């Protein structure tokens, strides 16, 4: 089954999932990084089969995914699926994506998920190891359902209120501490270009989608969540098969493969 897979990833879970899914679907399926489309006024989608792979934030999609879908113009698309990565549960993300697609004259045919370690709330070392070990088989199982063009009702009967991630704002107070070296890794990987380096210090603005890429990839662990004390300096998580280069590559349209 040939599909165009639009994906977004901050710490590698969704990047590796998208690449695995394209591998299993085969037939020339390709991965398209959503971060490379942020400034596009119109995103022409011409594939018959279209997929979305992204992490679930607060039962919702990352703002950058919402922004991309709002600018999509579909031409001849017949089947749309999502394969979200999540820790805990998926919330209403399928219904939210379906509602958004309906504003573009489409609907979500199938909503699936793959449980992986969280980059927000902490997964135990044992849980992290088990989830990573099961990732490939879980993606393979999902690919079979997608290739069979399975369909479910993804619509949500109730009106869905906006969430904390429905619009960009730095609600966790991501800040660089005094030992920031100004290396620029955070600025290079930020999907919203919301970080600048000034006088050797990272300055994080409010056009933030709270993907936490800067937090997890900072090589000296200088970035912390000043408004979320419970996880302000939590243990860092990065998918073991992904580097900061792979995350930054999404912004320039590269496939991000390790």
C-alpha atoms as a PDB file:
ATOM      1  CA  UNK A   1       0.000   0.000   0.000  1.00  0.00           C
ATOM      2  CA  UNK A   2       1.523   3.297  -1.054  1.00  0.00           C
ATOM      3  CA  UNK A   3       0.979   6.185   1.342  1.00  0.00           C
ATOM      4  CA  UNK A   4       2.313   9.638   2.081  1.00  0.00           C
ATOM      5  CA  UNK A   5       2.996   9.788   5.822  1.00  0.00           C
ATOM      6  CA  UNK A   6       3.114  13.250   7.390  1.00  0.00           C
ATOM      7  CA  UNK A   7       4.934  13.142  10.704  1.00  0.00           C
ATOM      8  CA  UNK A   8       6.205  15.292  13.536  1.00  0.00           C
ATOM      9  CA  UNK A   9       8.700  14.211  16.183  1.00  0.00           C
ATOM     10  CA  UNK A  10      10.541  15.966  19.019  1.00  0.00           C
ATOM     11  CA  UNK A  11      12.478  13.179  20.690  1.00  0.00           C
ATOM     12  CA  UNK A  12      12.318  10.432  18.098  1.00  0.00           C
ATOM     13  CA  UNK A  13       9.344   8.207  18.942  1.00  0.00           C
ATOM     14  CA  UNK A  14       7.197   9.397  16.054  1.00  0.00           C
ATOM     15  CA  UNK A  15      10.128   9.701  13.650  1.00  0.00           C
ATOM     16  CA  UNK A  16      11.106   6.062  14.110  1.00  0.00           C
ATOM     17  CA  UNK A  17       7.449   4.979  14.057  1.00  0.00           C
ATOM     18  CA  UNK A  18       6.840   6.788  10.763  1.00  0.00           C
ATOM     19  CA  UNK A  19       9.919   5.244   9.185  1.00  0.00           C
ATOM     20  CA  UNK A  20       8.966   1.752  10.358  1.00  0.00           C
ATOM     21  CA  UNK A  21       5.432   2.221   9.067  1.00  0.00           C
ATOM     22  CA  UNK A  22       6.659   3.339   5.631  1.00  0.00           C
ATOM     23  CA  UNK A  23       8.917   0.285   5.540  1.00  0.00           C
ATOM     24  CA  UNK A  24       6.067  -2.113   6.315  1.00  0.00           C
ATOM     25  CA  UNK A  25       3.563  -0.466   3.970  1.00  0.00           C
ATOM     26  CA  UNK A  26       6.161  -0.478   1.193  1.00  0.00           C
ATOM     27  CA  UNK A  27       5.206   0.264  -2.420  1.00  0.00           C
ATOM     28  CA  UNK A  28       7.007   3.603  -2.400  1.00  0.00           C
ATOM     29  CA  UNK A  29       5.467   4.951   0.811  1.00  0.00           C
ATOM     30  CA  UNK A  30       7.295   8.066   1.949  1.00  0.00           C
ATOM     31  CA  UNK A  31       7.654  10.120   5.117  1.00  0.00           C
ATOM     32  CA  UNK A  32       7.114  13.888   4.938  1.00  0.00           C
ATOM     33  CA  UNK A  33       8.253  15.979   7.935  1.00  0.00           C
ATOM     34  CA  UNK A  34       5.560  18.417   9.019  1.00  0.00           C
ATOM     35  CA  UNK A  35       8.176  20.784  10.456  1.00  0.00           C
ATOM     36  CA  UNK A  36       9.330  21.531   6.898  1.00  0.00           C
ATOM     37  CA  UNK A  37       5.820  22.730   5.943  1.00  0.00           C
ATOM     38  CA  UNK A  38       5.279  25.283   8.707  1.00  0.00           C
ATOM     39  CA  UNK A  39       5.508  28.352   6.474  1.00  0.00           C
ATOM     40  CA  UNK A  40       3.518  26.929   3.546  1.00  0.00           C
ATOM     41  CA  UNK A  41       0.353  28.852   2.694  1.00  0.00           C
ATOM     42  CA  UNK A  42      -1.117  25.852   0.860  1.00  0.00           C
ATOM     43  CA  UNK A  43      -0.015  22.241   1.280  1.00  0.00           C
ATOM     44  CA  UNK A  44      -1.203  20.282  -1.744  1.00  0.00           C
ATOM     45  CA  UNK A  45      -1.900  16.664  -0.788  1.00  0.00           C
ATOM     46  CA  UNK A  46      -2.210  14.451  -3.855  1.00  0.00           C
ATOM     47  CA  UNK A  47      -1.731  10.931  -2.473  1.00  0.00           C
ATOM     48  CA  UNK A  48      -4.635   8.487  -2.517  1.00  0.00           C
ATOM     49  CA  UNK A  49      -3.652   7.217   0.926  1.00  0.00           C
ATOM     50  CA  UNK A  50      -2.466   9.654   3.590  1.00  0.00           C
ATOM     51  CA  UNK A  51      -1.183   9.029   7.092  1.00  0.00           C
ATOM     52  CA  UNK A  52      -0.339  11.148  10.117  1.00  0.00           C
ATOM     53  CA  UNK A  53       2.177  10.126  12.774  1.00  0.00           C
ATOM     54  CA  UNK A  54       2.729  12.389  15.777  1.00  0.00           C
ATOM     55  CA  UNK A  55       2.911  12.330  19.579  1.00  0.00           C
ATOM     56  CA  UNK A  56      -0.203  12.869  21.668  1.00  0.00           C
ATOM     57  CA  UNK A  57      -0.067  15.944  23.912  1.00  0.00           C
ATOM     58  CA  UNK A  58      -2.862  16.339  26.471  1.00  0.00           C
ATOM     59  CA  UNK A  59      -5.151  14.126  24.374  1.00  0.00           C
ATOM     60  CA  UNK A  60      -4.574  16.415  21.407  1.00  0.00           C
ATOM     61  CA  UNK A  61      -2.243  16.838  18.446  1.00  0.00           C
ATOM     62  CA  UNK A  62       0.788  19.151  18.599  1.00  0.00           C
ATOM     63  CA  UNK A  63      -0.044  22.650  17.385  1.00  0.00           C
ATOM     64  CA  UNK A  64       2.356  22.305  14.440  1.00  0.00           C
ATOM     65  CA  UNK A  65       0.294  19.333  13.189  1.00  0.00           C
ATOM     66  CA  UNK A  66      -2.933  21.294  13.551  1.00  0.00           C
ATOM     67  CA  UNK A  67      -1.388  24.191  11.638  1.00  0.00           C
ATOM     68  CA  UNK A  68      -0.328  21.916   8.775  1.00  0.00           C
ATOM     69  CA  UNK A  69      -3.740  20.273   8.412  1.00  0.00           C
ATOM     70  CA  UNK A  70      -5.411  23.695   8.392  1.00  0.00           C
ATOM     71  CA  UNK A  71      -3.364  24.542   5.295  1.00  0.00           C
ATOM     72  CA  UNK A  72      -3.861  21.260   3.441  1.00  0.00           C
ATOM     73  CA  UNK A  73      -5.712  21.043   0.147  1.00  0.00           C
ATOM     74  CA  UNK A  74      -6.601  17.432  -0.644  1.00  0.00           C
ATOM     75  CA  UNK A  75      -6.791  16.192  -4.223  1.00  0.00           C
ATOM     76  CA  UNK A  76      -8.091  12.658  -4.781  1.00  0.00           C
ATOM     77  CA  UNK A  77      -7.378  11.383  -1.280  1.00  0.00           C
ATOM     78  CA  UNK A  78      -9.527   8.362  -0.419  1.00  0.00           C
ATOM     79  CA  UNK A  79      -8.128   7.004   2.842  1.00  0.00           C
ATOM     80  CA  UNK A  80      -6.639   8.864   5.832  1.00  0.00           C
ATOM     81  CA  UNK A  81      -5.197   7.174   8.905  1.00  0.00           C
ATOM     82  CA  UNK A  82      -3.265   8.199  11.989  1.00  0.00           C
ATOM     83  CA  UNK A  83      -0.759   6.262  14.062  1.00  0.00           C
ATOM     84  CA  UNK A  84      -0.033   8.308  17.182  1.00  0.00           C
ATOM     85  CA  UNK A  85       2.652   7.718  19.763  1.00  0.00           C
ATOM     86  CA  UNK A  86       1.603   8.160  23.364  1.00  0.00           C
ATOM     87  CA  UNK A  87       2.293   7.388  26.997  1.00  0.00           C
ATOM     88  CA  UNK A  88      -0.750   6.589  29.106  1.00  0.00           C
ATOM     89  CA  UNK A  89      -3.700   7.058  26.759  1.00  0.00           C
ATOM     90  CA  UNK A  90      -4.624   8.763  23.498  1.00  0.00           C
ATOM     91  CA  UNK A  91      -7.462  10.881  24.821  1.00  0.00           C
ATOM     92  CA  UNK A  92      -9.679  12.448  22.153  1.00  0.00           C
ATOM     93  CA  UNK A  93      -6.921  12.850  19.573  1.00  0.00           C
ATOM     94  CA  UNK A  94      -8.724  10.779  16.915  1.00  0.00           C
ATOM     95  CA  UNK A  95     -11.888  12.819  17.243  1.00  0.00           C
ATOM     96  CA  UNK A  96      -9.933  16.068  17.207  1.00  0.00           C
ATOM     97  CA  UNK A  97      -8.058  15.125  14.051  1.00  0.00           C
ATOM     98  CA  UNK A  98     -11.268  13.935  12.396  1.00  0.00           C
ATOM     99  CA  UNK A  99     -13.022  17.219  13.221  1.00  0.00           C
ATOM    100  CA  UNK A 100     -10.101  19.190  11.804  1.00  0.00           C
ATOM    101  CA  UNK A 101      -9.998  17.094   8.627  1.00  0.00           C
ATOM    102  CA  UNK A 102     -13.713  17.699   8.107  1.00  0.00           C
ATOM    103  CA  UNK A 103     -12.979  21.416   7.775  1.00  0.00           C
ATOM    104  CA  UNK A 104     -10.801  20.388   4.822  1.00  0.00           C
ATOM    105  CA  UNK A 105     -13.490  18.203   3.212  1.00  0.00           C
ATOM    106  CA  UNK A 106     -12.044  14.929   4.528  1.00  0.00           C
ATOM    107  CA  UNK A 107     -12.453  12.583   7.486  1.00  0.00           C
ATOM    108  CA  UNK A 108     -10.256  10.229   9.472  1.00  0.00           C
ATOM    109  CA  UNK A 109     -10.714   6.612   8.428  1.00  0.00           C
ATOM    110  CA  UNK A 110      -8.681   4.917  11.156  1.00  0.00           C
ATOM    111  CA  UNK A 111      -7.044   6.096  14.390  1.00  0.00           C
ATOM    112  CA  UNK A 112      -4.379   3.869  15.938  1.00  0.00           C
ATOM    113  CA  UNK A 113      -1.647   4.308  18.516  1.00  0.00           C
ATOM    114  CA  UNK A 114       1.690   2.942  19.656  1.00  0.00           C
ATOM    115  CA  UNK A 115       2.583   3.207  23.341  1.00  0.00           C
ATOM    116  CA  UNK A 116       6.136   4.484  23.861  1.00  0.00           C
ATOM    117  CA  UNK A 117       8.138   6.162  26.650  1.00  0.00           C
ATOM    118  CA  UNK A 118       6.947   9.643  27.557  1.00  0.00           C
ATOM    119  CA  UNK A 119       8.981  12.797  27.107  1.00  0.00           C
ATOM    120  CA  UNK A 120       6.728  14.704  29.516  1.00  0.00           C
ATOM    121  CA  UNK A 121       5.714  12.465  32.415  1.00  0.00           C
ATOM    122  CA  UNK A 122       8.400   9.982  33.360  1.00  0.00           C
ATOM    123  CA  UNK A 123       8.408   6.316  32.346  1.00  0.00           C
ATOM    124  CA  UNK A 124      10.353   3.939  34.574  1.00  0.00           C
ATOM    125  CA  UNK A 125      13.532   2.373  33.150  1.00  0.00           C
ATOM    126  CA  UNK A 126      11.754  -0.990  33.024  1.00  0.00           C
ATOM    127  CA  UNK A 127       8.742   0.478  31.220  1.00  0.00           C
ATOM    128  CA  UNK A 128      10.989   2.342  28.792  1.00  0.00           C
ATOM    129  CA  UNK A 129      12.905  -0.812  27.920  1.00  0.00           C
ATOM    130  CA  UNK A 130       9.740  -2.867  27.412  1.00  0.00           C
ATOM    131  CA  UNK A 131       7.978  -0.257  25.264  1.00  0.00           C
ATOM    132  CA  UNK A 132      10.997   0.252  23.008  1.00  0.00           C
ATOM    133  CA  UNK A 133      11.410  -3.517  22.616  1.00  0.00           C
ATOM    134  CA  UNK A 134       7.767  -3.832  21.513  1.00  0.00           C
ATOM    135  CA  UNK A 135       7.744  -0.820  19.160  1.00  0.00           C
ATOM    136  CA  UNK A 136       8.601  -2.577  15.909  1.00  0.00           C
ATOM    137  CA  UNK A 137       6.072  -5.375  16.363  1.00  0.00           C
ATOM    138  CA  UNK A 138       3.368  -2.901  17.408  1.00  0.00           C
ATOM    139  CA  UNK A 139       4.010  -0.789  14.304  1.00  0.00           C
ATOM    140  CA  UNK A 140       3.978  -3.934  12.156  1.00  0.00           C
ATOM    141  CA  UNK A 141       0.594  -4.913  13.607  1.00  0.00           C
ATOM    142  CA  UNK A 142      -0.791  -1.436  12.935  1.00  0.00           C
ATOM    143  CA  UNK A 143       0.546  -1.522   9.363  1.00  0.00           C
ATOM    144  CA  UNK A 144      -1.479  -4.660   8.648  1.00  0.00           C
ATOM    145  CA  UNK A 145      -4.686  -2.918   9.688  1.00  0.00           C
ATOM    146  CA  UNK A 146      -3.788   0.133   7.633  1.00  0.00           C
ATOM    147  CA  UNK A 147      -2.855  -1.931   4.559  1.00  0.00           C
ATOM    148  CA  UNK A 148      -6.241  -3.673   4.853  1.00  0.00           C
ATOM    149  CA  UNK A 149      -7.796  -0.176   4.745  1.00  0.00           C
ATOM    150  CA  UNK A 150      -9.697  -0.824   7.931  1.00  0.00           C
ATOM    151  CA  UNK A 151     -12.213   1.866   8.807  1.00  0.00           C
ATOM    152  CA  UNK A 152     -13.748   2.946  12.099  1.00  0.00           C
ATOM    153  CA  UNK A 153     -15.923   5.856  13.137  1.00  0.00           C
ATOM    154  CA  UNK A 154     -13.454   8.415  14.473  1.00  0.00           C
ATOM    155  CA  UNK A 155     -15.966  11.205  14.918  1.00  0.00           C
ATOM    156  CA  UNK A 156     -16.690  12.565  18.380  1.00  0.00           C
ATOM    157  CA  UNK A 157     -20.303  13.229  19.381  1.00  0.00           C
ATOM    158  CA  UNK A 158     -19.448  15.912  21.898  1.00  0.00           C
ATOM    159  CA  UNK A 159     -17.957  19.304  21.175  1.00  0.00           C
ATOM    160  CA  UNK A 160     -14.264  19.244  22.071  1.00  0.00           C
ATOM    161  CA  UNK A 161     -12.909  22.204  23.993  1.00  0.00           C
ATOM    162  CA  UNK A 162      -9.447  23.612  23.186  1.00  0.00           C
ATOM    163  CA  UNK A 163      -6.580  22.129  25.159  1.00  0.00           C
ATOM    164  CA  UNK A 164      -3.365  23.608  26.512  1.00  0.00           C
ATOM    165  CA  UNK A 165      -1.652  22.696  23.234  1.00  0.00           C
ATOM    166  CA  UNK A 166      -4.308  24.018  20.846  1.00  0.00           C
ATOM    167  CA  UNK A 167      -2.278  27.186  20.401  1.00  0.00           C
ATOM    168  CA  UNK A 168       1.396  28.067  20.961  1.00  0.00           C
ATOM    169  CA  UNK A 169       2.463  29.441  24.338  1.00  0.00           C
ATOM    170  CA  UNK A 170       5.260  28.574  26.736  1.00  0.00           C
ATOM    171  CA  UNK A 171       2.953  27.384  29.510  1.00  0.00           C
ATOM    172  CA  UNK A 172       5.639  25.272  31.172  1.00  0.00           C
ATOM    173  CA  UNK A 173       8.061  28.149  31.357  1.00  0.00           C
ATOM    174  CA  UNK A 174      10.893  26.551  29.416  1.00  0.00           C
ATOM    175  CA  UNK A 175      13.992  28.523  30.342  1.00  0.00           C
ATOM    176  CA  UNK A 176      17.757  28.169  29.936  1.00  0.00           C
ATOM    177  CA  UNK A 177      19.706  28.236  33.195  1.00  0.00           C
ATOM    178  CA  UNK A 178      22.876  30.227  33.780  1.00  0.00           C
ATOM    179  CA  UNK A 179      25.206  27.406  32.715  1.00  0.00           C
ATOM    180  CA  UNK A 180      23.829  27.444  29.146  1.00  0.00           C
ATOM    181  CA  UNK A 181      26.837  27.445  26.792  1.00  0.00           C
ATOM    182  CA  UNK A 182      25.045  29.018  23.847  1.00  0.00           C
ATOM    183  CA  UNK A 183      25.883  26.020  21.639  1.00  0.00           C
ATOM    184  CA  UNK A 184      22.717  26.518  19.569  1.00  0.00           C
ATOM    185  CA  UNK A 185      21.453  22.910  19.535  1.00  0.00           C
ATOM    186  CA  UNK A 186      18.096  24.030  20.945  1.00  0.00           C
ATOM    187  CA  UNK A 187      17.693  26.736  18.301  1.00  0.00           C
ATOM    188  CA  UNK A 188      18.508  24.313  15.493  1.00  0.00           C
ATOM    189  CA  UNK A 189      15.973  21.714  16.578  1.00  0.00           C
ATOM    190  CA  UNK A 190      13.112  23.997  17.673  1.00  0.00           C
ATOM    191  CA  UNK A 191      10.327  23.345  15.109  1.00  0.00           C
ATOM    192  CA  UNK A 192       8.854  26.818  15.627  1.00  0.00           C
ATOM    193  CA  UNK A 193      12.156  28.773  15.428  1.00  0.00           C
ATOM    194  CA  UNK A 194      11.214  30.066  18.863  1.00  0.00           C
ATOM    195  CA  UNK A 195      14.729  30.048  20.350  1.00  0.00           C
ATOM    196  CA  UNK A 196      17.534  32.500  19.702  1.00  0.00           C
ATOM    197  CA  UNK A 197      21.051  32.729  21.071  1.00  0.00           C
ATOM    198  CA  UNK A 198      21.966  36.102  22.534  1.00  0.00           C
ATOM    199  CA  UNK A 199      25.273  36.825  24.268  1.00  0.00           C
ATOM    200  CA  UNK A 200      25.953  33.132  24.683  1.00  0.00           C
ATOM    201  CA  UNK A 201      22.568  32.360  26.211  1.00  0.00           C
ATOM    202  CA  UNK A 202      19.482  30.608  24.795  1.00  0.00           C
ATOM    203  CA  UNK A 203      16.389  32.816  24.897  1.00  0.00           C
ATOM    204  CA  UNK A 204      13.117  30.883  24.613  1.00  0.00           C
ATOM    205  CA  UNK A 205      10.089  32.855  23.417  1.00  0.00           C
ATOM    206  CA  UNK A 206       6.347  32.275  23.733  1.00  0.00           C
ATOM    207  CA  UNK A 207       5.737  30.806  20.252  1.00  0.00           C
ATOM    208  CA  UNK A 208       6.231  27.426  21.904  1.00  0.00           C
ATOM    209  CA  UNK A 209       4.346  24.174  21.235  1.00  0.00           C
ATOM    210  CA  UNK A 210       5.840  22.501  24.339  1.00  0.00           C
ATOM    211  CA  UNK A 211       7.280  19.617  22.350  1.00  0.00           C
ATOM    212  CA  UNK A 212      10.204  19.603  24.829  1.00  0.00           C
ATOM    213  CA  UNK A 213      12.806  18.960  22.134  1.00  0.00           C
ATOM    214  CA  UNK A 214      15.011  21.716  23.563  1.00  0.00           C
ATOM    215  CA  UNK A 215      14.679  20.275  27.065  1.00  0.00           C
ATOM    216  CA  UNK A 216      15.651  16.741  26.105  1.00  0.00           C
ATOM    217  CA  UNK A 217      18.399  17.503  23.571  1.00  0.00           C
ATOM    218  CA  UNK A 218      20.320  20.207  25.471  1.00  0.00           C
ATOM    219  CA  UNK A 219      23.813  18.664  25.799  1.00  0.00           C
ATOM    220  CA  UNK A 220      24.478  20.329  29.173  1.00  0.00           C
ATOM    221  CA  UNK A 221      20.905  19.972  30.525  1.00  0.00           C
ATOM    222  CA  UNK A 222      20.584  23.715  31.050  1.00  0.00           C
ATOM    223  CA  UNK A 223      16.941  23.970  29.955  1.00  0.00           C
ATOM    224  CA  UNK A 224      14.262  23.351  32.562  1.00  0.00           C
ATOM    225  CA  UNK A 225      10.510  23.828  33.037  1.00  0.00           C
ATOM    226  CA  UNK A 226      10.274  26.754  35.445  1.00  0.00           C
ATOM    227  CA  UNK A 227       6.450  26.580  35.724  1.00  0.00           C
ATOM    228  CA  UNK A 228       6.143  22.817  36.214  1.00  0.00           C
ATOM    229  CA  UNK A 229       7.981  22.014  39.426  1.00  0.00           C
ATOM    230  CA  UNK A 230       7.027  18.327  39.496  1.00  0.00           C
ATOM    231  CA  UNK A 231       9.021  17.583  36.349  1.00  0.00           C
ATOM    232  CA  UNK A 232      11.128  20.743  36.081  1.00  0.00           C
ATOM    233  CA  UNK A 233      14.391  18.827  35.634  1.00  0.00           C
ATOM    234  CA  UNK A 234      13.091  15.317  35.012  1.00  0.00           C
ATOM    235  CA  UNK A 235      15.320  12.643  33.494  1.00  0.00           C
ATOM    236  CA  UNK A 236      15.933  13.238  29.806  1.00  0.00           C
ATOM    237  CA  UNK A 237      14.470  10.934  27.152  1.00  0.00           C
ATOM    238  CA  UNK A 238      15.596  10.517  23.560  1.00  0.00           C
ATOM    239  CA  UNK A 239      14.783   7.556  21.354  1.00  0.00           C
ATOM    240  CA  UNK A 240      18.019   5.531  21.229  1.00  0.00           C
ATOM    241  CA  UNK A 241      17.991   5.318  17.421  1.00  0.00           C
ATOM    242  CA  UNK A 242      17.714   9.075  16.882  1.00  0.00           C
ATOM    243  CA  UNK A 243      20.136  12.000  17.134  1.00  0.00           C
ATOM    244  CA  UNK A 244      19.599  15.743  17.380  1.00  0.00           C
ATOM    245  CA  UNK A 245      20.713  15.918  13.744  1.00  0.00           C
ATOM    246  CA  UNK A 246      17.743  13.744  12.759  1.00  0.00           C
ATOM    247  CA  UNK A 247      15.353  16.042  14.648  1.00  0.00           C
ATOM    248  CA  UNK A 248      16.824  19.207  13.103  1.00  0.00           C
ATOM    249  CA  UNK A 249      16.707  17.633   9.624  1.00  0.00           C
ATOM    250  CA  UNK A 250      12.893  17.666   9.729  1.00  0.00           C
ATOM    251  CA  UNK A 251      12.885  21.447   9.394  1.00  0.00           C
ATOM    252  CA  UNK A 252      14.589  21.376   6.001  1.00  0.00           C
ATOM    253  CA  UNK A 253      12.508  18.562   4.575  1.00  0.00           C
ATOM    254  CA  UNK A 254      14.953  15.719   5.009  1.00  0.00           C
ATOM    255  CA  UNK A 255      13.604  12.311   5.944  1.00  0.00           C
ATOM    256  CA  UNK A 256      15.265  12.355   9.354  1.00  0.00           C
ATOM    257  CA  UNK A 257      16.405   8.742   9.173  1.00  0.00           C
ATOM    258  CA  UNK A 258      19.202   7.860  11.579  1.00  0.00           C
END
